[in-house]
Protein backbone atom coordinates (compact mmCIF):
# COMPACT_ATOMS: atom_id res chain seq x y z
CA UNK A 1 -30.53 -13.42 10.47
CA UNK A 2 -28.47 -14.64 13.42
CA UNK A 3 -26.08 -12.51 15.46
CA UNK A 4 -23.07 -14.26 13.91
CA UNK A 5 -24.23 -13.98 10.31
CA UNK A 6 -23.08 -10.36 9.73
CA UNK A 7 -19.68 -11.22 11.23
CA UNK A 8 -19.38 -14.19 8.86
CA UNK A 9 -20.25 -11.94 5.92
CA UNK A 10 -17.67 -9.39 7.05
CA UNK A 11 -15.03 -12.13 7.34
CA UNK A 12 -15.70 -13.28 3.82
CA UNK A 13 -15.49 -9.66 2.61
CA UNK A 14 -12.16 -9.23 4.42
CA UNK A 15 -10.82 -12.51 3.02
CA UNK A 16 -11.93 -11.55 -0.49
CA UNK A 17 -10.25 -8.16 -0.13
CA UNK A 18 -6.98 -9.68 1.08
CA UNK A 19 -6.94 -11.95 -1.99
CA UNK A 20 -7.55 -8.87 -4.16
CA UNK A 21 -4.82 -6.93 -2.31
CA UNK A 22 -2.30 -9.76 -2.70
CA UNK A 23 -3.07 -10.08 -6.40
CA UNK A 24 -2.49 -6.35 -6.93
CA UNK A 25 0.88 -6.36 -5.20
CA UNK A 26 1.96 -9.47 -7.14
CA UNK A 27 1.41 -7.41 -10.31
CA UNK A 28 4.01 -5.00 -9.02
CA UNK A 29 4.86 -1.42 -9.87
CA UNK A 30 3.37 0.21 -12.91
CA UNK A 31 0.12 0.68 -14.80
CA UNK A 32 -1.14 -2.82 -13.96
CA UNK A 33 -0.94 -1.95 -10.24
CA UNK A 34 -3.03 1.19 -10.69
CA UNK A 35 -5.50 -0.51 -13.04
CA UNK A 36 -6.00 -3.22 -10.44
CA UNK A 37 -6.55 -1.00 -7.40
CA UNK A 38 -8.28 2.14 -8.71
CA UNK A 39 -11.74 0.59 -8.87
CA UNK A 40 -11.49 -0.26 -5.17
CA UNK A 41 -10.37 3.19 -3.92
CA UNK A 42 -13.09 5.12 -2.08
CA UNK A 43 -13.49 8.72 -3.37
CA UNK A 44 -12.69 10.09 0.12
CA UNK A 45 -9.87 7.64 0.92
CA UNK A 46 -7.35 8.60 3.59
CA UNK A 47 -3.85 7.13 3.20
CA UNK A 48 -1.07 7.52 5.76
CA UNK A 49 2.43 6.08 5.87
CA UNK A 50 5.89 6.91 7.19
CA UNK A 51 7.94 9.39 5.14
CA UNK A 52 4.85 11.05 3.66
CA UNK A 53 2.11 13.33 4.93
CA UNK A 54 -1.47 12.05 4.86
CA UNK A 55 -3.06 11.83 1.41
CA UNK A 56 -6.82 12.24 1.07
CA UNK A 57 -9.02 11.57 -1.95
CA UNK A 58 -8.88 9.09 -4.81
CA UNK A 59 -6.88 11.55 -6.92
CA UNK A 60 -3.94 11.20 -4.49
CA UNK A 61 -3.58 7.43 -5.02
CA UNK A 62 -1.33 7.55 -8.10
CA UNK A 63 0.80 10.49 -6.92
CA UNK A 64 1.44 8.64 -3.66
CA UNK A 65 2.87 5.55 -5.38
CA UNK A 66 4.28 6.80 -8.72
CA UNK A 67 7.55 8.26 -7.33
CA UNK A 68 8.22 5.05 -5.41
CA UNK A 69 7.60 2.99 -8.54
CA UNK A 70 9.91 5.23 -10.61
CA UNK A 71 12.67 4.72 -8.04
CA UNK A 72 11.97 0.97 -7.61
CA UNK A 73 10.42 -0.10 -10.94
CA UNK A 74 10.40 -3.80 -10.04
CA UNK A 75 8.76 -3.31 -6.63
CA UNK A 76 6.53 -6.24 -5.70
CA UNK A 77 4.71 -7.25 -2.55
CA UNK A 78 3.93 -10.56 -0.92
CA UNK A 79 1.24 -10.94 1.71
CA UNK A 80 2.80 -12.84 4.60
CA UNK A 81 -0.15 -12.84 7.00
CA UNK A 82 -3.37 -11.03 7.70
CA UNK A 83 -6.15 -10.71 10.21
CA UNK A 84 -9.66 -9.34 10.24
CA UNK A 85 -10.70 -6.25 12.11
CA UNK A 86 -14.14 -4.82 12.85
CA UNK A 87 -13.76 -2.51 9.83
CA UNK A 88 -11.51 -4.41 7.41
CA UNK A 89 -8.13 -6.10 7.72
CA UNK A 90 -4.57 -5.89 8.96
CA UNK A 91 -2.19 -7.11 6.26
CA UNK A 92 1.50 -7.90 6.71
CA UNK A 93 3.14 -7.19 3.35
CA UNK A 94 6.79 -7.86 2.43
CA UNK A 95 7.96 -5.43 -0.26
CA UNK A 96 11.07 -5.96 -2.37
CA UNK A 97 12.72 -4.66 -5.50
CA UNK A 98 15.87 -2.95 -6.69
CA UNK A 99 16.84 0.66 -6.10
CA UNK A 100 19.73 1.69 -8.31
CA UNK A 101 20.44 -1.94 -9.16
CA UNK A 102 20.73 -3.01 -5.53
CA UNK A 103 18.14 -5.02 -3.61
CA UNK A 104 15.93 -3.25 -1.11
CA UNK A 105 13.23 -4.82 1.05
CA UNK A 106 11.03 -3.92 3.98
CA UNK A 107 7.88 -5.16 5.66
CA UNK A 108 4.79 -3.08 6.32
CA UNK A 109 1.55 -3.74 8.10
CA UNK A 110 -1.34 -2.02 6.39
CA UNK A 111 -4.51 -1.36 8.34
CA UNK A 112 -7.26 -1.26 5.75
CA UNK A 113 -10.70 0.18 6.50
CA UNK A 114 -13.29 -0.96 3.97
CA UNK A 115 -16.56 0.73 3.09
CA UNK A 116 -18.81 -0.96 0.54
CA UNK A 117 -15.84 -3.09 -0.55
CA UNK A 118 -13.64 -0.06 -1.22
CA UNK A 119 -10.56 1.19 0.61
CA UNK A 120 -11.82 4.02 2.82
CA UNK A 121 -8.57 4.21 4.80
CA UNK A 122 -5.10 2.71 4.41
CA UNK A 123 -2.63 3.24 7.23
CA UNK A 124 0.81 1.73 6.59
CA UNK A 125 3.08 1.01 9.54
CA UNK A 126 6.72 0.20 8.83
CA UNK A 127 10.26 0.96 9.93
CA UNK A 128 11.52 3.35 7.24
CA UNK A 129 15.22 2.70 8.08
CA UNK A 130 15.85 0.07 5.34
CA UNK A 131 14.31 2.30 2.69
CA UNK A 132 16.10 5.42 3.94
CA UNK A 133 19.44 3.60 4.02
CA UNK A 134 18.93 2.38 0.46
CA UNK A 135 17.99 5.93 -0.63
CA UNK A 136 21.05 7.46 1.02
CA UNK A 137 23.35 4.92 -0.64
CA UNK A 138 21.83 5.68 -4.06
CA UNK A 139 21.00 9.40 -4.02
CA UNK A 140 20.82 9.88 -7.80
CA UNK A 141 18.22 7.14 -8.16
CA UNK A 142 16.32 8.28 -5.07
CA UNK A 143 15.86 11.87 -6.23
CA UNK A 144 12.47 11.15 -7.88
CA UNK A 145 11.08 10.41 -4.41
CA UNK A 146 12.05 13.74 -2.84
CA UNK A 147 9.83 16.22 -4.74
CA UNK A 148 6.70 14.20 -4.07
CA UNK A 149 7.53 13.92 -0.37
CA UNK A 150 8.32 17.63 -0.07
CA UNK A 151 5.31 18.73 -2.15
CA UNK A 152 2.87 16.93 0.12
CA UNK A 153 4.27 18.49 3.29
């Protein structure tokens, strides 16, 4: 085995994962999203993102996304770019949908740490202002998001 061979294998694993990630977000909000991703969630996953406290463990995956999907039932994501890291990938993801009948969109960069092909860590970095503005303009539709955010604090 050469020195570059493990790096080449890691690159192919990262590229494969990004394809998998993109496919899952194209499916959009709902059961198909969860069905797609749950087999690739590490039991001890750590997920962090703006507007929510850290979530740890595979059992927190659905509760982290379900309120968002109830508020934005047509939420979809499009991978715009990505890059490999020593432990996984950085993925630029454009999210869009409708909150209360009005369009809402934002871009996130997810830092994914992979372990044995599963998501060990997901750290999302995004400016929450577009989402907060949309929520404030549509408070009745945004209410499903609040209990889950407050409960995890």
